Amino acid sequence: MIDFEVVDLAETDHVGQGDTAPDFTRPLVNDEYWEDAALSDLTADGPVLLVFHTMDGAFPTTYMWNEIRDRAWDEGNDLTVVGLSISSPYEHKATVEQRRIDYRLFSDPGNEVAEAYGIVNDLDGMTGISEPRPAVYLLDDDRTVEYAWVADEWPAFPDYDEVEDAIESL
């Protein structure tokens, strides 16, 4: 059994439903390679589910991607599912392979994207290290946020059925 303490996260003024999601360009990683990609290029092709997650290898990331992989939200939907964390492209490549996920992951080691979205989580006991708090954003082709969930405690996980309902309502 994993032993951890649930921690309340500070309130944040994060990007929410109805807002325009900030655009960014970062390395986008799959199991073979990575290349710089802009969020706006992805949304230009249709809706995007942007999943912010903890560092690769942390149990919340493993749990989230296992659940998302098993639900296969992009199958039968005009939807691109991508993740984002502070992990390096090398770590993402290993995670994609190990978790057997068919989704690409943005690499943002400086955590600037989480800062732009208002979802930075300073890590206890790691001075100067932060990562995004878990969050899920469903974006339309104009980057308008159609659905938003942001963790208010650690660890926390989205209501996967609620995310699925939001996807189906597009």
N, C-alpha and C. Protein backbone atom coordinates (compact mmCIF):
# COMPACT_ATOMS: atom_id res chain seq x y z
N MET A 1 0.84 -1.20 0.00
CA MET A 1 0.00 0.00 0.00
C MET A 1 0.88 1.24 0.00
N ILE A 2 0.51 2.19 -0.84
CA ILE A 2 1.25 3.44 -0.90
C ILE A 2 0.84 4.31 0.27
N ASP A 3 1.83 4.82 0.98
CA ASP A 3 1.56 5.67 2.14
C ASP A 3 1.83 7.12 1.74
N PHE A 4 0.80 7.94 1.77
CA PHE A 4 0.95 9.34 1.45
C PHE A 4 -0.09 10.14 2.21
N GLU A 5 0.19 11.41 2.33
CA GLU A 5 -0.72 12.33 3.00
C GLU A 5 -1.43 13.17 1.96
N VAL A 6 -2.74 13.32 2.10
CA VAL A 6 -3.51 14.19 1.22
C VAL A 6 -3.26 15.63 1.66
N VAL A 7 -2.90 16.47 0.71
CA VAL A 7 -2.55 17.85 1.00
C VAL A 7 -3.48 18.78 0.25
N ASP A 8 -4.08 19.74 0.97
CA ASP A 8 -4.90 20.76 0.31
C ASP A 8 -3.98 21.72 -0.43
N LEU A 9 -4.33 22.04 -1.67
CA LEU A 9 -3.55 22.99 -2.46
C LEU A 9 -4.17 24.37 -2.32
N ALA A 10 -3.33 25.38 -2.41
CA ALA A 10 -3.80 26.77 -2.29
C ALA A 10 -4.75 27.09 -3.42
N GLU A 11 -5.68 28.00 -3.14
CA GLU A 11 -6.59 28.46 -4.20
C GLU A 11 -5.78 29.11 -5.30
N THR A 12 -6.30 29.01 -6.51
CA THR A 12 -5.59 29.57 -7.65
C THR A 12 -6.60 30.18 -8.62
N ASP A 13 -6.16 31.20 -9.31
CA ASP A 13 -6.97 31.83 -10.34
C ASP A 13 -6.56 31.20 -11.67
N HIS A 14 -7.08 30.02 -11.94
CA HIS A 14 -6.67 29.25 -13.12
C HIS A 14 -7.60 29.50 -14.30
N VAL A 15 -7.13 29.13 -15.46
CA VAL A 15 -7.95 29.18 -16.67
C VAL A 15 -9.16 28.29 -16.43
N GLY A 16 -10.34 28.78 -16.80
CA GLY A 16 -11.57 28.04 -16.53
C GLY A 16 -12.46 27.95 -17.76
N GLN A 17 -13.59 27.31 -17.57
CA GLN A 17 -14.56 27.13 -18.65
C GLN A 17 -14.94 28.48 -19.24
N GLY A 18 -14.96 28.56 -20.57
CA GLY A 18 -15.30 29.79 -21.27
C GLY A 18 -14.10 30.66 -21.60
N ASP A 19 -12.97 30.45 -20.93
CA ASP A 19 -11.74 31.20 -21.21
C ASP A 19 -11.09 30.67 -22.48
N THR A 20 -10.21 31.48 -23.05
CA THR A 20 -9.37 31.02 -24.15
C THR A 20 -8.09 30.47 -23.54
N ALA A 21 -7.78 29.22 -23.83
CA ALA A 21 -6.58 28.57 -23.29
C ALA A 21 -5.34 29.23 -23.90
N PRO A 22 -4.36 29.56 -23.07
CA PRO A 22 -3.12 30.13 -23.60
C PRO A 22 -2.45 29.16 -24.59
N ASP A 23 -1.95 29.72 -25.67
CA ASP A 23 -1.21 28.92 -26.65
C ASP A 23 0.22 28.75 -26.17
N PHE A 24 0.87 27.71 -26.62
CA PHE A 24 2.27 27.47 -26.28
C PHE A 24 2.87 26.55 -27.32
N THR A 25 4.17 26.54 -27.40
CA THR A 25 4.91 25.60 -28.24
C THR A 25 5.93 24.91 -27.36
N ARG A 26 5.91 23.58 -27.38
CA ARG A 26 6.83 22.75 -26.59
C ARG A 26 7.10 21.46 -27.36
N PRO A 27 8.14 20.72 -26.97
CA PRO A 27 8.35 19.41 -27.59
C PRO A 27 7.17 18.49 -27.30
N LEU A 28 6.66 17.86 -28.35
CA LEU A 28 5.55 16.92 -28.23
C LEU A 28 6.11 15.53 -28.54
N VAL A 29 5.98 14.61 -27.59
CA VAL A 29 6.70 13.35 -27.59
C VAL A 29 5.75 12.18 -27.83
N ASN A 30 6.20 11.23 -28.68
CA ASN A 30 5.52 9.95 -28.78
C ASN A 30 6.55 8.86 -28.52
N ASP A 31 6.25 7.63 -28.85
CA ASP A 31 7.18 6.54 -28.52
C ASP A 31 8.38 6.46 -29.45
N GLU A 32 8.41 7.27 -30.51
CA GLU A 32 9.51 7.21 -31.47
C GLU A 32 10.37 8.47 -31.51
N TYR A 33 9.76 9.64 -31.38
CA TYR A 33 10.50 10.89 -31.53
C TYR A 33 9.73 12.04 -30.88
N TRP A 34 10.32 13.20 -30.93
CA TRP A 34 9.59 14.40 -30.50
C TRP A 34 9.95 15.54 -31.43
N GLU A 35 9.02 16.51 -31.47
CA GLU A 35 9.23 17.72 -32.26
C GLU A 35 8.41 18.84 -31.62
N ASP A 36 8.87 20.06 -31.82
CA ASP A 36 8.12 21.19 -31.32
C ASP A 36 6.76 21.24 -31.98
N ALA A 37 5.75 21.51 -31.17
CA ALA A 37 4.38 21.64 -31.67
C ALA A 37 3.67 22.71 -30.87
N ALA A 38 2.77 23.40 -31.52
CA ALA A 38 1.97 24.42 -30.86
C ALA A 38 0.59 23.86 -30.53
N LEU A 39 0.07 24.23 -29.39
CA LEU A 39 -1.28 23.81 -29.02
C LEU A 39 -2.27 24.28 -30.09
N SER A 40 -2.09 25.50 -30.60
CA SER A 40 -3.02 26.03 -31.60
C SER A 40 -3.01 25.21 -32.89
N ASP A 41 -1.89 24.57 -33.21
CA ASP A 41 -1.86 23.70 -34.39
C ASP A 41 -2.72 22.46 -34.15
N LEU A 42 -2.70 21.96 -32.93
CA LEU A 42 -3.53 20.79 -32.61
C LEU A 42 -5.01 21.15 -32.62
N THR A 43 -5.37 22.28 -32.01
CA THR A 43 -6.79 22.65 -31.96
C THR A 43 -7.31 23.05 -33.34
N ALA A 44 -6.43 23.49 -34.24
CA ALA A 44 -6.86 23.82 -35.60
C ALA A 44 -7.41 22.59 -36.31
N ASP A 45 -7.00 21.40 -35.84
CA ASP A 45 -7.49 20.15 -36.43
C ASP A 45 -8.73 19.60 -35.72
N GLY A 46 -9.18 20.27 -34.67
CA GLY A 46 -10.36 19.83 -33.93
C GLY A 46 -10.15 19.91 -32.43
N PRO A 47 -11.11 19.44 -31.66
CA PRO A 47 -11.03 19.53 -30.20
C PRO A 47 -9.81 18.79 -29.64
N VAL A 48 -9.31 19.32 -28.52
CA VAL A 48 -8.15 18.74 -27.84
C VAL A 48 -8.48 18.58 -26.36
N LEU A 49 -8.13 17.41 -25.83
CA LEU A 49 -8.18 17.19 -24.39
C LEU A 49 -6.74 17.32 -23.90
N LEU A 50 -6.47 18.38 -23.14
CA LEU A 50 -5.15 18.66 -22.61
C LEU A 50 -5.11 18.24 -21.15
N VAL A 51 -4.25 17.26 -20.85
CA VAL A 51 -4.17 16.66 -19.52
C VAL A 51 -2.84 17.05 -18.87
N PHE A 52 -2.91 17.89 -17.85
CA PHE A 52 -1.72 18.23 -17.07
C PHE A 52 -1.54 17.15 -16.01
N HIS A 53 -0.31 16.68 -15.84
CA HIS A 53 -0.07 15.62 -14.87
C HIS A 53 1.26 15.81 -14.16
N THR A 54 1.43 15.04 -13.10
CA THR A 54 2.65 15.09 -12.31
C THR A 54 3.80 14.49 -13.10
N MET A 55 4.99 14.53 -12.51
CA MET A 55 6.18 13.98 -13.16
C MET A 55 5.96 12.52 -13.56
N ASP A 56 6.57 12.15 -14.67
CA ASP A 56 6.52 10.75 -15.10
C ASP A 56 7.12 9.88 -13.99
N GLY A 57 6.51 8.73 -13.79
CA GLY A 57 6.97 7.81 -12.75
C GLY A 57 6.24 7.97 -11.44
N ALA A 58 5.60 9.14 -11.22
CA ALA A 58 4.82 9.33 -10.00
C ALA A 58 3.51 8.56 -10.14
N PHE A 59 3.04 7.99 -9.04
CA PHE A 59 1.84 7.15 -9.14
C PHE A 59 0.63 7.88 -9.71
N PRO A 60 0.41 9.19 -9.45
CA PRO A 60 -0.76 9.83 -10.07
C PRO A 60 -0.69 9.82 -11.60
N THR A 61 0.49 10.01 -12.16
CA THR A 61 0.63 9.98 -13.61
C THR A 61 0.32 8.60 -14.16
N THR A 62 0.88 7.60 -13.53
CA THR A 62 0.63 6.22 -13.95
C THR A 62 -0.86 5.92 -13.91
N TYR A 63 -1.51 6.26 -12.80
CA TYR A 63 -2.94 5.98 -12.65
C TYR A 63 -3.76 6.72 -13.70
N MET A 64 -3.47 8.03 -13.90
CA MET A 64 -4.25 8.83 -14.86
C MET A 64 -4.13 8.27 -16.27
N TRP A 65 -2.91 7.98 -16.70
CA TRP A 65 -2.74 7.53 -18.09
C TRP A 65 -3.26 6.12 -18.29
N ASN A 66 -3.19 5.28 -17.28
CA ASN A 66 -3.81 3.95 -17.40
C ASN A 66 -5.32 4.11 -17.62
N GLU A 67 -5.94 4.98 -16.85
CA GLU A 67 -7.39 5.19 -16.96
C GLU A 67 -7.75 5.80 -18.32
N ILE A 68 -7.00 6.81 -18.75
CA ILE A 68 -7.28 7.46 -20.03
C ILE A 68 -7.06 6.47 -21.17
N ARG A 69 -6.00 5.71 -21.11
CA ARG A 69 -5.72 4.70 -22.13
C ARG A 69 -6.87 3.70 -22.21
N ASP A 70 -7.31 3.21 -21.06
CA ASP A 70 -8.36 2.20 -21.04
C ASP A 70 -9.70 2.74 -21.53
N ARG A 71 -9.96 4.01 -21.31
CA ARG A 71 -11.23 4.61 -21.77
C ARG A 71 -11.21 4.99 -23.24
N ALA A 72 -10.03 5.18 -23.81
CA ALA A 72 -9.86 5.45 -25.25
C ALA A 72 -10.81 6.53 -25.76
N TRP A 73 -10.79 7.68 -25.12
CA TRP A 73 -11.71 8.76 -25.46
C TRP A 73 -11.58 9.25 -26.89
N ASP A 74 -10.41 9.10 -27.48
CA ASP A 74 -10.22 9.60 -28.84
C ASP A 74 -10.79 8.66 -29.89
N GLU A 75 -11.05 7.41 -29.53
CA GLU A 75 -11.61 6.47 -30.50
C GLU A 75 -13.08 6.78 -30.73
N GLY A 76 -13.43 6.97 -31.99
CA GLY A 76 -14.81 7.28 -32.33
C GLY A 76 -15.19 8.72 -32.11
N ASN A 77 -14.25 9.54 -31.66
CA ASN A 77 -14.48 10.97 -31.46
C ASN A 77 -13.47 11.75 -32.28
N ASP A 78 -13.86 12.92 -32.72
CA ASP A 78 -12.92 13.83 -33.37
C ASP A 78 -12.19 14.57 -32.27
N LEU A 79 -11.22 13.91 -31.65
CA LEU A 79 -10.57 14.44 -30.46
C LEU A 79 -9.10 14.03 -30.44
N THR A 80 -8.25 14.98 -30.10
CA THR A 80 -6.83 14.71 -29.87
C THR A 80 -6.60 14.78 -28.37
N VAL A 81 -6.01 13.74 -27.81
CA VAL A 81 -5.68 13.70 -26.39
C VAL A 81 -4.17 13.86 -26.26
N VAL A 82 -3.74 14.85 -25.46
CA VAL A 82 -2.32 15.08 -25.21
C VAL A 82 -2.12 15.36 -23.73
N GLY A 83 -0.92 15.08 -23.25
CA GLY A 83 -0.56 15.37 -21.86
C GLY A 83 0.50 16.43 -21.79
N LEU A 84 0.77 16.91 -20.58
CA LEU A 84 1.83 17.90 -20.35
C LEU A 84 2.32 17.77 -18.92
N SER A 85 3.65 17.72 -18.78
CA SER A 85 4.27 17.76 -17.46
C SER A 85 5.67 18.33 -17.58
N ILE A 86 6.35 18.40 -16.44
CA ILE A 86 7.71 18.92 -16.43
C ILE A 86 8.74 17.88 -16.85
N SER A 87 8.33 16.67 -17.08
CA SER A 87 9.28 15.62 -17.44
C SER A 87 9.92 15.89 -18.80
N SER A 88 11.14 15.41 -18.95
CA SER A 88 11.89 15.62 -20.19
C SER A 88 11.34 14.75 -21.31
N PRO A 89 11.69 15.08 -22.56
CA PRO A 89 11.28 14.22 -23.66
C PRO A 89 11.74 12.77 -23.49
N TYR A 90 12.92 12.56 -22.95
CA TYR A 90 13.41 11.20 -22.73
C TYR A 90 12.52 10.44 -21.74
N GLU A 91 12.13 11.12 -20.66
CA GLU A 91 11.23 10.49 -19.66
C GLU A 91 9.86 10.22 -20.26
N HIS A 92 9.35 11.18 -21.05
CA HIS A 92 8.05 10.98 -21.70
C HIS A 92 8.08 9.79 -22.65
N LYS A 93 9.13 9.67 -23.43
CA LYS A 93 9.25 8.57 -24.37
C LYS A 93 9.17 7.24 -23.62
N ALA A 94 9.87 7.14 -22.50
CA ALA A 94 9.83 5.91 -21.70
C ALA A 94 8.44 5.67 -21.13
N THR A 95 7.76 6.72 -20.67
CA THR A 95 6.41 6.58 -20.12
C THR A 95 5.44 6.10 -21.19
N VAL A 96 5.50 6.69 -22.37
CA VAL A 96 4.62 6.29 -23.47
C VAL A 96 4.83 4.80 -23.78
N GLU A 97 6.08 4.38 -23.83
CA GLU A 97 6.38 2.97 -24.11
C GLU A 97 5.92 2.06 -22.98
N GLN A 98 6.27 2.41 -21.74
CA GLN A 98 5.95 1.55 -20.59
C GLN A 98 4.45 1.46 -20.32
N ARG A 99 3.74 2.56 -20.47
CA ARG A 99 2.30 2.59 -20.19
C ARG A 99 1.50 2.11 -21.40
N ARG A 100 2.17 1.91 -22.52
CA ARG A 100 1.51 1.50 -23.77
C ARG A 100 0.34 2.44 -24.11
N ILE A 101 0.66 3.72 -24.09
CA ILE A 101 -0.36 4.71 -24.44
C ILE A 101 -0.08 5.24 -25.85
N ASP A 102 -1.13 5.54 -26.56
CA ASP A 102 -1.01 6.05 -27.92
C ASP A 102 -1.16 7.57 -27.97
N TYR A 103 -0.88 8.23 -26.86
CA TYR A 103 -1.03 9.67 -26.78
C TYR A 103 0.34 10.32 -26.72
N ARG A 104 0.39 11.56 -27.17
CA ARG A 104 1.64 12.32 -27.13
C ARG A 104 1.64 13.21 -25.89
N LEU A 105 2.85 13.49 -25.40
CA LEU A 105 3.01 14.26 -24.18
C LEU A 105 3.92 15.46 -24.44
N PHE A 106 3.44 16.65 -24.06
CA PHE A 106 4.26 17.86 -24.13
C PHE A 106 5.26 17.85 -22.97
N SER A 107 6.48 18.27 -23.26
CA SER A 107 7.52 18.39 -22.25
C SER A 107 7.72 19.87 -21.92
N ASP A 108 7.58 20.22 -20.65
CA ASP A 108 7.71 21.61 -20.20
C ASP A 108 8.51 21.65 -18.89
N PRO A 109 9.82 21.34 -18.95
CA PRO A 109 10.63 21.25 -17.74
C PRO A 109 10.65 22.53 -16.89
N GLY A 110 10.48 23.69 -17.52
CA GLY A 110 10.47 24.95 -16.77
C GLY A 110 9.13 25.28 -16.14
N ASN A 111 8.10 24.50 -16.45
CA ASN A 111 6.75 24.66 -15.89
C ASN A 111 6.09 25.98 -16.26
N GLU A 112 6.54 26.60 -17.35
CA GLU A 112 5.97 27.89 -17.76
C GLU A 112 4.53 27.76 -18.23
N VAL A 113 4.18 26.63 -18.85
CA VAL A 113 2.81 26.47 -19.33
C VAL A 113 1.85 26.40 -18.15
N ALA A 114 2.20 25.65 -17.12
CA ALA A 114 1.36 25.58 -15.92
C ALA A 114 1.21 26.97 -15.30
N GLU A 115 2.27 27.74 -15.34
CA GLU A 115 2.20 29.11 -14.81
C GLU A 115 1.20 29.94 -15.62
N ALA A 116 1.23 29.82 -16.94
CA ALA A 116 0.30 30.57 -17.79
C ALA A 116 -1.15 30.15 -17.54
N TYR A 117 -1.35 28.89 -17.17
CA TYR A 117 -2.69 28.37 -16.89
C TYR A 117 -3.11 28.59 -15.43
N GLY A 118 -2.20 29.05 -14.59
CA GLY A 118 -2.51 29.30 -13.18
C GLY A 118 -2.62 28.03 -12.35
N ILE A 119 -1.85 26.98 -12.72
CA ILE A 119 -1.99 25.70 -12.03
C ILE A 119 -0.64 25.17 -11.52
N VAL A 120 0.25 26.06 -11.11
CA VAL A 120 1.56 25.65 -10.60
C VAL A 120 1.39 25.03 -9.22
N ASN A 121 2.13 23.95 -8.98
CA ASN A 121 2.17 23.29 -7.68
C ASN A 121 3.62 23.22 -7.24
N ASP A 122 4.00 24.02 -6.22
CA ASP A 122 5.34 23.94 -5.67
C ASP A 122 5.47 22.66 -4.87
N LEU A 123 6.51 21.90 -5.16
CA LEU A 123 6.66 20.60 -4.52
C LEU A 123 7.29 20.73 -3.14
N ASP A 124 6.64 20.13 -2.15
CA ASP A 124 7.15 20.15 -0.78
C ASP A 124 8.51 19.48 -0.72
N GLY A 125 9.44 20.11 -0.02
CA GLY A 125 10.74 19.52 0.18
C GLY A 125 11.66 19.60 -1.02
N MET A 126 11.25 20.31 -2.07
CA MET A 126 12.08 20.45 -3.27
C MET A 126 12.17 21.92 -3.65
N THR A 127 13.02 22.65 -2.99
CA THR A 127 13.15 24.08 -3.20
C THR A 127 13.39 24.39 -4.67
N GLY A 128 12.58 25.28 -5.20
CA GLY A 128 12.72 25.72 -6.58
C GLY A 128 12.15 24.77 -7.62
N ILE A 129 11.50 23.68 -7.17
CA ILE A 129 10.92 22.72 -8.11
C ILE A 129 9.40 22.80 -8.02
N SER A 130 8.78 22.94 -9.18
CA SER A 130 7.32 22.94 -9.23
C SER A 130 6.90 22.10 -10.43
N GLU A 131 5.65 21.71 -10.41
CA GLU A 131 5.06 20.96 -11.52
C GLU A 131 3.62 21.41 -11.63
N PRO A 132 2.94 21.05 -12.72
CA PRO A 132 1.52 21.40 -12.79
C PRO A 132 0.73 20.57 -11.80
N ARG A 133 -0.28 21.19 -11.21
CA ARG A 133 -1.21 20.36 -10.46
C ARG A 133 -2.04 19.61 -11.48
N PRO A 134 -2.53 18.43 -11.17
CA PRO A 134 -3.34 17.70 -12.14
C PRO A 134 -4.52 18.57 -12.62
N ALA A 135 -4.73 18.56 -13.92
CA ALA A 135 -5.82 19.35 -14.51
C ALA A 135 -6.18 18.75 -15.86
N VAL A 136 -7.44 18.95 -16.25
CA VAL A 136 -7.93 18.48 -17.54
C VAL A 136 -8.69 19.63 -18.18
N TYR A 137 -8.32 19.94 -19.43
CA TYR A 137 -8.98 20.98 -20.20
C TYR A 137 -9.46 20.39 -21.53
N LEU A 138 -10.74 20.55 -21.82
CA LEU A 138 -11.29 20.18 -23.11
C LEU A 138 -11.45 21.47 -23.91
N LEU A 139 -10.72 21.55 -25.03
CA LEU A 139 -10.65 22.77 -25.82
C LEU A 139 -11.29 22.57 -27.18
N ASP A 140 -12.00 23.60 -27.65
CA ASP A 140 -12.54 23.52 -29.00
C ASP A 140 -11.50 24.03 -30.00
N ASP A 141 -11.88 24.16 -31.26
CA ASP A 141 -10.90 24.52 -32.29
C ASP A 141 -10.42 25.96 -32.20
N ASP A 142 -11.04 26.78 -31.35
CA ASP A 142 -10.58 28.15 -31.10
C ASP A 142 -9.85 28.26 -29.76
N ARG A 143 -9.56 27.12 -29.14
CA ARG A 143 -8.92 27.03 -27.82
C ARG A 143 -9.83 27.55 -26.70
N THR A 144 -11.14 27.61 -26.96
CA THR A 144 -12.07 27.95 -25.89
C THR A 144 -12.23 26.74 -24.99
N VAL A 145 -12.16 26.97 -23.69
CA VAL A 145 -12.27 25.88 -22.73
C VAL A 145 -13.73 25.49 -22.59
N GLU A 146 -14.05 24.28 -23.05
CA GLU A 146 -15.40 23.74 -22.96
C GLU A 146 -15.63 23.01 -21.64
N TYR A 147 -14.55 22.52 -21.05
CA TYR A 147 -14.62 21.81 -19.76
C TYR A 147 -13.28 22.01 -19.08
N ALA A 148 -13.32 22.22 -17.77
CA ALA A 148 -12.09 22.37 -16.99
C ALA A 148 -12.24 21.69 -15.64
N TRP A 149 -11.22 20.95 -15.28
CA TRP A 149 -11.11 20.38 -13.94
C TRP A 149 -9.68 20.63 -13.48
N VAL A 150 -9.53 21.18 -12.27
CA VAL A 150 -8.21 21.45 -11.70
C VAL A 150 -8.22 20.93 -10.27
N ALA A 151 -7.19 20.16 -9.93
CA ALA A 151 -7.09 19.57 -8.59
C ALA A 151 -6.99 20.66 -7.53
N ASP A 152 -7.70 20.43 -6.41
CA ASP A 152 -7.58 21.35 -5.28
C ASP A 152 -6.91 20.68 -4.08
N GLU A 153 -6.49 19.43 -4.29
CA GLU A 153 -5.70 18.71 -3.29
C GLU A 153 -4.77 17.75 -4.02
N TRP A 154 -3.76 17.28 -3.26
CA TRP A 154 -2.82 16.31 -3.85
C TRP A 154 -2.79 15.10 -2.96
N PRO A 155 -2.92 13.91 -3.52
CA PRO A 155 -3.25 13.65 -4.91
C PRO A 155 -4.74 13.79 -5.16
N ALA A 156 -5.08 14.08 -6.39
CA ALA A 156 -6.49 14.16 -6.80
C ALA A 156 -6.57 13.71 -8.25
N PHE A 157 -7.71 13.19 -8.60
CA PHE A 157 -7.93 12.69 -9.94
C PHE A 157 -9.25 13.22 -10.46
N PRO A 158 -9.34 13.47 -11.77
CA PRO A 158 -10.59 13.97 -12.31
C PRO A 158 -11.69 12.92 -12.20
N ASP A 159 -12.92 13.39 -12.28
CA ASP A 159 -14.06 12.49 -12.39
C ASP A 159 -14.10 12.05 -13.86
N TYR A 160 -13.58 10.87 -14.12
CA TYR A 160 -13.43 10.40 -15.50
C TYR A 160 -14.76 10.31 -16.24
N ASP A 161 -15.83 9.96 -15.53
CA ASP A 161 -17.15 9.91 -16.17
C ASP A 161 -17.60 11.31 -16.58
N GLU A 162 -17.29 12.30 -15.76
CA GLU A 162 -17.64 13.68 -16.07
C GLU A 162 -16.86 14.16 -17.30
N VAL A 163 -15.58 13.82 -17.38
CA VAL A 163 -14.78 14.17 -18.55
C VAL A 163 -15.38 13.52 -19.79
N GLU A 164 -15.72 12.26 -19.68
CA GLU A 164 -16.32 11.53 -20.79
C GLU A 164 -17.62 12.19 -21.26
N ASP A 165 -18.45 12.62 -20.31
CA ASP A 165 -19.70 13.31 -20.66
C ASP A 165 -19.41 14.60 -21.42
N ALA A 166 -18.39 15.34 -20.97
CA ALA A 166 -18.03 16.60 -21.65
C ALA A 166 -17.57 16.32 -23.09
N ILE A 167 -16.80 15.27 -23.26
CA ILE A 167 -16.32 14.90 -24.60
C ILE A 167 -17.51 14.54 -25.48
N GLU A 168 -18.43 13.77 -24.97
CA GLU A 168 -19.59 13.34 -25.74
C GLU A 168 -20.52 14.50 -26.09
N SER A 169 -20.47 15.58 -25.30
CA SER A 169 -21.35 16.72 -25.55
C SER A 169 -20.80 17.67 -26.62
N LEU A 170 -19.60 17.42 -27.10
CA LEU A 170 -19.04 18.29 -28.15
C LEU A 170 -19.84 18.18 -29.44
